[in-house]
Amino acid sequence: MMKVIVNVFLKAGVLDSQGKAVHHALESLHFDNVSDVRVGKQIVLKLDESDEVKAMADVTKMCEELLANTVIEDYNIELVK
């Protein structure tokens, strides 16, 4: 069994309206040292797989086909041992 964490976030040039709302709320709470906020999502998978190379290939395919909208989102994959 292998645990995999996928972080999906908007690409740098894409407006993050949710991040802007959080940033504004933090400023209204007087957290003035925050210069930018980007909001993303984290997906945690448990795979019945022991081969790290195959697991990485499978999860990459999952991201490309379903988990991320690769037109506007980037993602990173972390294998947890």
PDB file of N, CA and C in Angstrom:
ATOM      1  N   MET A   1       0.860  -1.176   0.000  1.00  0.00           N
ATOM      2  CA  MET A   1       0.000   0.000   0.000  1.00  0.00           C
ATOM      3  C   MET A   1       0.899   1.231   0.000  1.00  0.00           C
ATOM      4  N   MET A   2       0.524   2.209  -0.807  1.00  0.00           N
ATOM      5  CA  MET A   2       1.310   3.425  -0.936  1.00  0.00           C
ATOM      6  C   MET A   2       0.374   4.625  -0.833  1.00  0.00           C
ATOM      7  N   LYS A   3       0.797   5.630  -0.094  1.00  0.00           N
ATOM      8  CA  LYS A   3       0.039   6.870   0.028  1.00  0.00           C
ATOM      9  C   LYS A   3       0.643   7.898  -0.928  1.00  0.00           C
ATOM     10  N   VAL A   4      -0.236   8.590  -1.660  1.00  0.00           N
ATOM     11  CA  VAL A   4       0.194   9.593  -2.624  1.00  0.00           C
ATOM     12  C   VAL A   4      -0.586  10.878  -2.356  1.00  0.00           C
ATOM     13  N   ILE A   5       0.134  12.002  -2.336  1.00  0.00           N
ATOM     14  CA  ILE A   5      -0.499  13.305  -2.153  1.00  0.00           C
ATOM     15  C   ILE A   5      -0.346  14.088  -3.454  1.00  0.00           C
ATOM     16  N   VAL A   6      -1.472  14.564  -3.969  1.00  0.00           N
ATOM     17  CA  VAL A   6      -1.484  15.380  -5.179  1.00  0.00           C
ATOM     18  C   VAL A   6      -1.955  16.778  -4.787  1.00  0.00           C
ATOM     19  N   ASN A   7      -1.143  17.789  -5.068  1.00  0.00           N
ATOM     20  CA  ASN A   7      -1.520  19.179  -4.846  1.00  0.00           C
ATOM     21  C   ASN A   7      -1.822  19.802  -6.199  1.00  0.00           C
ATOM     22  N   VAL A   8      -3.018  20.384  -6.322  1.00  0.00           N
ATOM     23  CA  VAL A   8      -3.456  21.015  -7.562  1.00  0.00           C
ATOM     24  C   VAL A   8      -3.672  22.498  -7.266  1.00  0.00           C
ATOM     25  N   PHE A   9      -3.130  23.352  -8.142  1.00  0.00           N
ATOM     26  CA  PHE A   9      -3.223  24.797  -7.916  1.00  0.00           C
ATOM     27  C   PHE A   9      -3.264  25.509  -9.254  1.00  0.00           C
ATOM     28  N   LEU A  10      -3.850  26.701  -9.250  1.00  0.00           N
ATOM     29  CA  LEU A  10      -3.958  27.475 -10.475  1.00  0.00           C
ATOM     30  C   LEU A  10      -2.582  27.901 -10.968  1.00  0.00           C
ATOM     31  N   LYS A  11      -2.421  27.937 -12.285  1.00  0.00           N
ATOM     32  CA  LYS A  11      -1.169  28.411 -12.866  1.00  0.00           C
ATOM     33  C   LYS A  11      -0.956  29.871 -12.502  1.00  0.00           C
ATOM     34  N   ALA A  12       0.285  30.313 -12.545  1.00  0.00           N
ATOM     35  CA  ALA A  12       0.658  31.656 -12.090  1.00  0.00           C
ATOM     36  C   ALA A  12      -0.127  32.766 -12.784  1.00  0.00           C
ATOM     37  N   GLY A  13      -0.423  32.648 -14.059  1.00  0.00           N
ATOM     38  CA  GLY A  13      -1.101  33.722 -14.778  1.00  0.00           C
ATOM     39  C   GLY A  13      -2.614  33.722 -14.652  1.00  0.00           C
ATOM     40  N   VAL A  14      -3.178  32.757 -13.948  1.00  0.00           N
ATOM     41  CA  VAL A  14      -4.638  32.621 -13.846  1.00  0.00           C
ATOM     42  C   VAL A  14      -5.117  33.327 -12.575  1.00  0.00           C
ATOM     43  N   LEU A  15      -6.149  34.165 -12.734  1.00  0.00           N
ATOM     44  CA  LEU A  15      -6.705  34.891 -11.593  1.00  0.00           C
ATOM     45  C   LEU A  15      -7.285  33.903 -10.580  1.00  0.00           C
ATOM     46  N   ASP A  16      -6.875  34.034  -9.336  1.00  0.00           N
ATOM     47  CA  ASP A  16      -7.362  33.187  -8.248  1.00  0.00           C
ATOM     48  C   ASP A  16      -8.319  34.014  -7.398  1.00  0.00           C
ATOM     49  N   SER A  17      -9.590  34.043  -7.762  1.00  0.00           N
ATOM     50  CA  SER A  17     -10.562  34.879  -7.053  1.00  0.00           C
ATOM     51  C   SER A  17     -10.752  34.424  -5.604  1.00  0.00           C
ATOM     52  N   GLN A  18     -10.684  33.127  -5.364  1.00  0.00           N
ATOM     53  CA  GLN A  18     -10.798  32.628  -3.992  1.00  0.00           C
ATOM     54  C   GLN A  18      -9.589  33.081  -3.167  1.00  0.00           C
ATOM     55  N   GLY A  19      -8.406  33.027  -3.763  1.00  0.00           N
ATOM     56  CA  GLY A  19      -7.206  33.509  -3.082  1.00  0.00           C
ATOM     57  C   GLY A  19      -7.287  34.993  -2.778  1.00  0.00           C
ATOM     58  N   LYS A  20      -7.830  35.770  -3.715  1.00  0.00           N
ATOM     59  CA  LYS A  20      -7.993  37.220  -3.493  1.00  0.00           C
ATOM     60  C   LYS A  20      -8.952  37.473  -2.339  1.00  0.00           C
ATOM     61  N   ALA A  21     -10.042  36.694  -2.257  1.00  0.00           N
ATOM     62  CA  ALA A  21     -11.012  36.862  -1.168  1.00  0.00           C
ATOM     63  C   ALA A  21     -10.374  36.536   0.184  1.00  0.00           C
ATOM     64  N   VAL A  22      -9.589  35.470   0.233  1.00  0.00           N
ATOM     65  CA  VAL A  22      -8.903  35.099   1.477  1.00  0.00           C
ATOM     66  C   VAL A  22      -7.893  36.185   1.850  1.00  0.00           C
ATOM     67  N   HIS A  23      -7.156  36.688   0.860  1.00  0.00           N
ATOM     68  CA  HIS A  23      -6.176  37.751   1.118  1.00  0.00           C
ATOM     69  C   HIS A  23      -6.860  38.984   1.694  1.00  0.00           C
ATOM     70  N   HIS A  24      -7.985  39.372   1.096  1.00  0.00           N
ATOM     71  CA  HIS A  24      -8.736  40.530   1.595  1.00  0.00           C
ATOM     72  C   HIS A  24      -9.211  40.295   3.034  1.00  0.00           C
ATOM     73  N   ALA A  25      -9.715  39.093   3.313  1.00  0.00           N
ATOM     74  CA  ALA A  25     -10.180  38.779   4.672  1.00  0.00           C
ATOM     75  C   ALA A  25      -9.029  38.828   5.667  1.00  0.00           C
ATOM     76  N   LEU A  26      -7.865  38.323   5.281  1.00  0.00           N
ATOM     77  CA  LEU A  26      -6.708  38.382   6.180  1.00  0.00           C
ATOM     78  C   LEU A  26      -6.293  39.822   6.458  1.00  0.00           C
ATOM     79  N   GLU A  27      -6.326  40.658   5.422  1.00  0.00           N
ATOM     80  CA  GLU A  27      -6.002  42.079   5.621  1.00  0.00           C
ATOM     81  C   GLU A  27      -6.995  42.733   6.564  1.00  0.00           C
ATOM     82  N   SER A  28      -8.279  42.385   6.442  1.00  0.00           N
ATOM     83  CA  SER A  28      -9.286  42.976   7.323  1.00  0.00           C
ATOM     84  C   SER A  28      -9.112  42.516   8.772  1.00  0.00           C
ATOM     85  N   LEU A  29      -8.440  41.403   8.953  1.00  0.00           N
ATOM     86  CA  LEU A  29      -8.117  40.922  10.309  1.00  0.00           C
ATOM     87  C   LEU A  29      -6.743  41.413  10.767  1.00  0.00           C
ATOM     88  N   HIS A  30      -6.180  42.353  10.013  1.00  0.00           N
ATOM     89  CA  HIS A  30      -4.912  43.020  10.333  1.00  0.00           C
ATOM     90  C   HIS A  30      -3.689  42.119  10.190  1.00  0.00           C
ATOM     91  N   PHE A  31      -3.760  41.124   9.310  1.00  0.00           N
ATOM     92  CA  PHE A  31      -2.577  40.338   8.948  1.00  0.00           C
ATOM     93  C   PHE A  31      -1.968  41.012   7.716  1.00  0.00           C
ATOM     94  N   ASP A  32      -1.268  42.107   7.954  1.00  0.00           N
ATOM     95  CA  ASP A  32      -0.767  42.954   6.877  1.00  0.00           C
ATOM     96  C   ASP A  32       0.519  42.441   6.242  1.00  0.00           C
ATOM     97  N   ASN A  33       1.104  41.412   6.790  1.00  0.00           N
ATOM     98  CA  ASN A  33       2.372  40.901   6.258  1.00  0.00           C
ATOM     99  C   ASN A  33       2.169  39.844   5.162  1.00  0.00           C
ATOM    100  N   VAL A  34       0.926  39.558   4.760  1.00  0.00           N
ATOM    101  CA  VAL A  34       0.650  38.589   3.703  1.00  0.00           C
ATOM    102  C   VAL A  34       0.601  39.343   2.376  1.00  0.00           C
ATOM    103  N   SER A  35       1.479  38.987   1.441  1.00  0.00           N
ATOM    104  CA  SER A  35       1.522  39.715   0.176  1.00  0.00           C
ATOM    105  C   SER A  35       0.669  39.065  -0.916  1.00  0.00           C
ATOM    106  N   ASP A  36       0.393  37.773  -0.819  1.00  0.00           N
ATOM    107  CA  ASP A  36      -0.411  37.105  -1.836  1.00  0.00           C
ATOM    108  C   ASP A  36      -0.941  35.794  -1.275  1.00  0.00           C
ATOM    109  N   VAL A  37      -2.084  35.357  -1.769  1.00  0.00           N
ATOM    110  CA  VAL A  37      -2.682  34.083  -1.354  1.00  0.00           C
ATOM    111  C   VAL A  37      -3.117  33.343  -2.614  1.00  0.00           C
ATOM    112  N   ARG A  38      -2.769  32.087  -2.695  1.00  0.00           N
ATOM    113  CA  ARG A  38      -3.230  31.196  -3.771  1.00  0.00           C
ATOM    114  C   ARG A  38      -3.910  30.015  -3.093  1.00  0.00           C
ATOM    115  N   VAL A  39      -5.109  29.684  -3.530  1.00  0.00           N
ATOM    116  CA  VAL A  39      -5.867  28.582  -2.951  1.00  0.00           C
ATOM    117  C   VAL A  39      -5.848  27.419  -3.940  1.00  0.00           C
ATOM    118  N   GLY A  40      -5.609  26.234  -3.439  1.00  0.00           N
ATOM    119  CA  GLY A  40      -5.594  25.042  -4.276  1.00  0.00           C
ATOM    120  C   GLY A  40      -6.347  23.921  -3.593  1.00  0.00           C
ATOM    121  N   LYS A  41      -6.100  22.723  -4.069  1.00  0.00           N
ATOM    122  CA  LYS A  41      -6.743  21.562  -3.446  1.00  0.00           C
ATOM    123  C   LYS A  41      -5.710  20.456  -3.299  1.00  0.00           C
ATOM    124  N   GLN A  42      -5.934  19.624  -2.301  1.00  0.00           N
ATOM    125  CA  GLN A  42      -5.044  18.495  -2.047  1.00  0.00           C
ATOM    126  C   GLN A  42      -5.868  17.218  -2.114  1.00  0.00           C
ATOM    127  N   ILE A  43      -5.352  16.248  -2.855  1.00  0.00           N
ATOM    128  CA  ILE A  43      -6.019  14.962  -3.017  1.00  0.00           C
ATOM    129  C   ILE A  43      -5.080  13.898  -2.468  1.00  0.00           C
ATOM    130  N   VAL A  44      -5.570  13.094  -1.547  1.00  0.00           N
ATOM    131  CA  VAL A  44      -4.761  12.036  -0.935  1.00  0.00           C
ATOM    132  C   VAL A  44      -5.292  10.700  -1.437  1.00  0.00           C
ATOM    133  N   LEU A  45      -4.395   9.930  -2.023  1.00  0.00           N
ATOM    134  CA  LEU A  45      -4.756   8.625  -2.588  1.00  0.00           C
ATOM    135  C   LEU A  45      -4.007   7.521  -1.848  1.00  0.00           C
ATOM    136  N   LYS A  46      -4.645   6.390  -1.674  1.00  0.00           N
ATOM    137  CA  LYS A  46      -3.975   5.177  -1.205  1.00  0.00           C
ATOM    138  C   LYS A  46      -4.029   4.178  -2.344  1.00  0.00           C
ATOM    139  N   LEU A  47      -2.874   3.778  -2.799  1.00  0.00           N
ATOM    140  CA  LEU A  47      -2.782   2.857  -3.931  1.00  0.00           C
ATOM    141  C   LEU A  47      -2.349   1.477  -3.468  1.00  0.00           C
ATOM    142  N   ASP A  48      -2.914   0.466  -4.065  1.00  0.00           N
ATOM    143  CA  ASP A  48      -2.462  -0.904  -3.854  1.00  0.00           C
ATOM    144  C   ASP A  48      -1.332  -1.154  -4.846  1.00  0.00           C
ATOM    145  N   GLU A  49      -0.202  -0.563  -4.562  1.00  0.00           N
ATOM    146  CA  GLU A  49       0.934  -0.589  -5.476  1.00  0.00           C
ATOM    147  C   GLU A  49       2.223  -0.505  -4.664  1.00  0.00           C
ATOM    148  N   SER A  50       3.234  -1.231  -5.073  1.00  0.00           N
ATOM    149  CA  SER A  50       4.528  -1.149  -4.381  1.00  0.00           C
ATOM    150  C   SER A  50       5.618  -0.590  -5.290  1.00  0.00           C
ATOM    151  N   ASP A  51       5.373  -0.580  -6.594  1.00  0.00           N
ATOM    152  CA  ASP A  51       6.346  -0.065  -7.560  1.00  0.00           C
ATOM    153  C   ASP A  51       6.170   1.453  -7.686  1.00  0.00           C
ATOM    154  N   GLU A  52       7.157   2.214  -7.202  1.00  0.00           N
ATOM    155  CA  GLU A  52       7.059   3.672  -7.198  1.00  0.00           C
ATOM    156  C   GLU A  52       6.975   4.256  -8.608  1.00  0.00           C
ATOM    157  N   VAL A  53       7.694   3.676  -9.548  1.00  0.00           N
ATOM    158  CA  VAL A  53       7.679   4.181 -10.921  1.00  0.00           C
ATOM    159  C   VAL A  53       6.289   4.019 -11.532  1.00  0.00           C
ATOM    160  N   LYS A  54       5.681   2.851 -11.343  1.00  0.00           N
ATOM    161  CA  LYS A  54       4.332   2.610 -11.861  1.00  0.00           C
ATOM    162  C   LYS A  54       3.324   3.508 -11.155  1.00  0.00           C
ATOM    163  N   ALA A  55       3.471   3.655  -9.847  1.00  0.00           N
ATOM    164  CA  ALA A  55       2.554   4.512  -9.093  1.00  0.00           C
ATOM    165  C   ALA A  55       2.619   5.946  -9.607  1.00  0.00           C
ATOM    166  N   MET A  56       3.818   6.447  -9.833  1.00  0.00           N
ATOM    167  CA  MET A  56       3.982   7.813 -10.332  1.00  0.00           C
ATOM    168  C   MET A  56       3.363   7.953 -11.728  1.00  0.00           C
ATOM    169  N   ALA A  57       3.554   6.971 -12.578  1.00  0.00           N
ATOM    170  CA  ALA A  57       2.967   7.007 -13.920  1.00  0.00           C
ATOM    171  C   ALA A  57       1.439   6.974 -13.844  1.00  0.00           C
ATOM    172  N   ASP A  58       0.895   6.125 -12.987  1.00  0.00           N
ATOM    173  CA  ASP A  58      -0.556   6.022 -12.843  1.00  0.00           C
ATOM    174  C   ASP A  58      -1.159   7.327 -12.322  1.00  0.00           C
ATOM    175  N   VAL A  59      -0.538   7.896 -11.304  1.00  0.00           N
ATOM    176  CA  VAL A  59      -1.082   9.124 -10.716  1.00  0.00           C
ATOM    177  C   VAL A  59      -0.929  10.291 -11.685  1.00  0.00           C
ATOM    178  N   THR A  60       0.143  10.336 -12.433  1.00  0.00           N
ATOM    179  CA  THR A  60       0.298  11.378 -13.456  1.00  0.00           C
ATOM    180  C   THR A  60      -0.831  11.281 -14.473  1.00  0.00           C
ATOM    181  N   LYS A  61      -1.156  10.074 -14.892  1.00  0.00           N
ATOM    182  CA  LYS A  61      -2.257   9.875 -15.834  1.00  0.00           C
ATOM    183  C   LYS A  61      -3.584  10.302 -15.208  1.00  0.00           C
ATOM    184  N   MET A  62      -3.793   9.985 -13.933  1.00  0.00           N
ATOM    185  CA  MET A  62      -5.004  10.414 -13.226  1.00  0.00           C
ATOM    186  C   MET A  62      -5.123  11.939 -13.229  1.00  0.00           C
ATOM    187  N   CYS A  63      -3.998  12.614 -12.969  1.00  0.00           N
ATOM    188  CA  CYS A  63      -3.998  14.078 -12.949  1.00  0.00           C
ATOM    189  C   CYS A  63      -4.317  14.648 -14.321  1.00  0.00           C
ATOM    190  N   GLU A  64      -3.690  14.086 -15.334  1.00  0.00           N
ATOM    191  CA  GLU A  64      -3.871  14.590 -16.695  1.00  0.00           C
ATOM    192  C   GLU A  64      -5.295  14.352 -17.216  1.00  0.00           C
ATOM    193  N   GLU A  65      -5.930  13.273 -16.778  1.00  0.00           N
ATOM    194  CA  GLU A  65      -7.245  12.921 -17.293  1.00  0.00           C
ATOM    195  C   GLU A  65      -8.415  13.376 -16.424  1.00  0.00           C
ATOM    196  N   LEU A  66      -8.185  13.583 -15.113  1.00  0.00           N
ATOM    197  CA  LEU A  66      -9.312  13.875 -14.236  1.00  0.00           C
ATOM    198  C   LEU A  66      -9.021  14.874 -13.121  1.00  0.00           C
ATOM    199  N   LEU A  67      -7.952  14.676 -12.387  1.00  0.00           N
ATOM    200  CA  LEU A  67      -7.759  15.416 -11.149  1.00  0.00           C
ATOM    201  C   LEU A  67      -7.408  16.891 -11.340  1.00  0.00           C
ATOM    202  N   ALA A  68      -6.774  17.236 -12.456  1.00  0.00           N
ATOM    203  CA  ALA A  68      -6.391  18.626 -12.712  1.00  0.00           C
ATOM    204  C   ALA A  68      -6.880  19.052 -14.090  1.00  0.00           C
ATOM    205  N   ASN A  69      -7.277  20.294 -14.183  1.00  0.00           N
ATOM    206  CA  ASN A  69      -7.589  20.895 -15.481  1.00  0.00           C
ATOM    207  C   ASN A  69      -6.284  21.523 -15.958  1.00  0.00           C
ATOM    208  N   THR A  70      -5.543  20.803 -16.761  1.00  0.00           N
ATOM    209  CA  THR A  70      -4.171  21.209 -17.096  1.00  0.00           C
ATOM    210  C   THR A  70      -4.098  22.460 -17.970  1.00  0.00           C
ATOM    211  N   VAL A  71      -5.224  22.945 -18.448  1.00  0.00           N
ATOM    212  CA  VAL A  71      -5.234  24.208 -19.173  1.00  0.00           C
ATOM    213  C   VAL A  71      -4.958  25.363 -18.213  1.00  0.00           C
ATOM    214  N   ILE A  72      -5.540  25.299 -17.009  1.00  0.00           N
ATOM    215  CA  ILE A  72      -5.404  26.400 -16.056  1.00  0.00           C
ATOM    216  C   ILE A  72      -4.748  25.992 -14.736  1.00  0.00           C
ATOM    217  N   GLU A  73      -4.505  24.700 -14.541  1.00  0.00           N
ATOM    218  CA  GLU A  73      -3.955  24.235 -13.268  1.00  0.00           C
ATOM    219  C   GLU A  73      -2.651  23.466 -13.464  1.00  0.00           C
ATOM    220  N   ASP A  74      -1.784  23.598 -12.475  1.00  0.00           N
ATOM    221  CA  ASP A  74      -0.585  22.772 -12.355  1.00  0.00           C
ATOM    222  C   ASP A  74      -0.806  21.814 -11.196  1.00  0.00           C
ATOM    223  N   TYR A  75       0.039  20.820 -11.103  1.00  0.00           N
ATOM    224  CA  TYR A  75      -0.058  19.875  -9.995  1.00  0.00           C
ATOM    225  C   TYR A  75       1.329  19.346  -9.663  1.00  0.00           C
ATOM    226  N   ASN A  76       1.465  18.865  -8.430  1.00  0.00           N
ATOM    227  CA  ASN A  76       2.665  18.124  -8.070  1.00  0.00           C
ATOM    228  C   ASN A  76       2.240  16.866  -7.314  1.00  0.00           C
ATOM    229  N   ILE A  77       3.090  15.862  -7.391  1.00  0.00           N
ATOM    230  CA  ILE A  77       2.790  14.554  -6.820  1.00  0.00           C
ATOM    231  C   ILE A  77       3.873  14.210  -5.806  1.00  0.00           C
ATOM    232  N   GLU A  78       3.440  13.771  -4.635  1.00  0.00           N
ATOM    233  CA  GLU A  78       4.383  13.367  -3.586  1.00  0.00           C
ATOM    234  C   GLU A  78       4.045  11.940  -3.156  1.00  0.00           C
ATOM    235  N   LEU A  79       5.018  11.054  -3.273  1.00  0.00           N
ATOM    236  CA  LEU A  79       4.847   9.688  -2.775  1.00  0.00           C
ATOM    237  C   LEU A  79       5.274   9.663  -1.315  1.00  0.00           C
ATOM    238  N   VAL A  80       4.417   9.154  -0.457  1.00  0.00           N
ATOM    239  CA  VAL A  80       4.697   9.096   0.984  1.00  0.00           C
ATOM    240  C   VAL A  80       4.960   7.649   1.343  1.00  0.00           C
ATOM    241  N   LYS A  81       6.108   7.403   1.955  1.00  0.00           N
ATOM    242  CA  LYS A  81       6.466   6.030   2.320  1.00  0.00           C
ATOM    243  C   LYS A  81       6.024   5.701   3.719  1.00  0.00           C
TER     244      LYS A  81
END
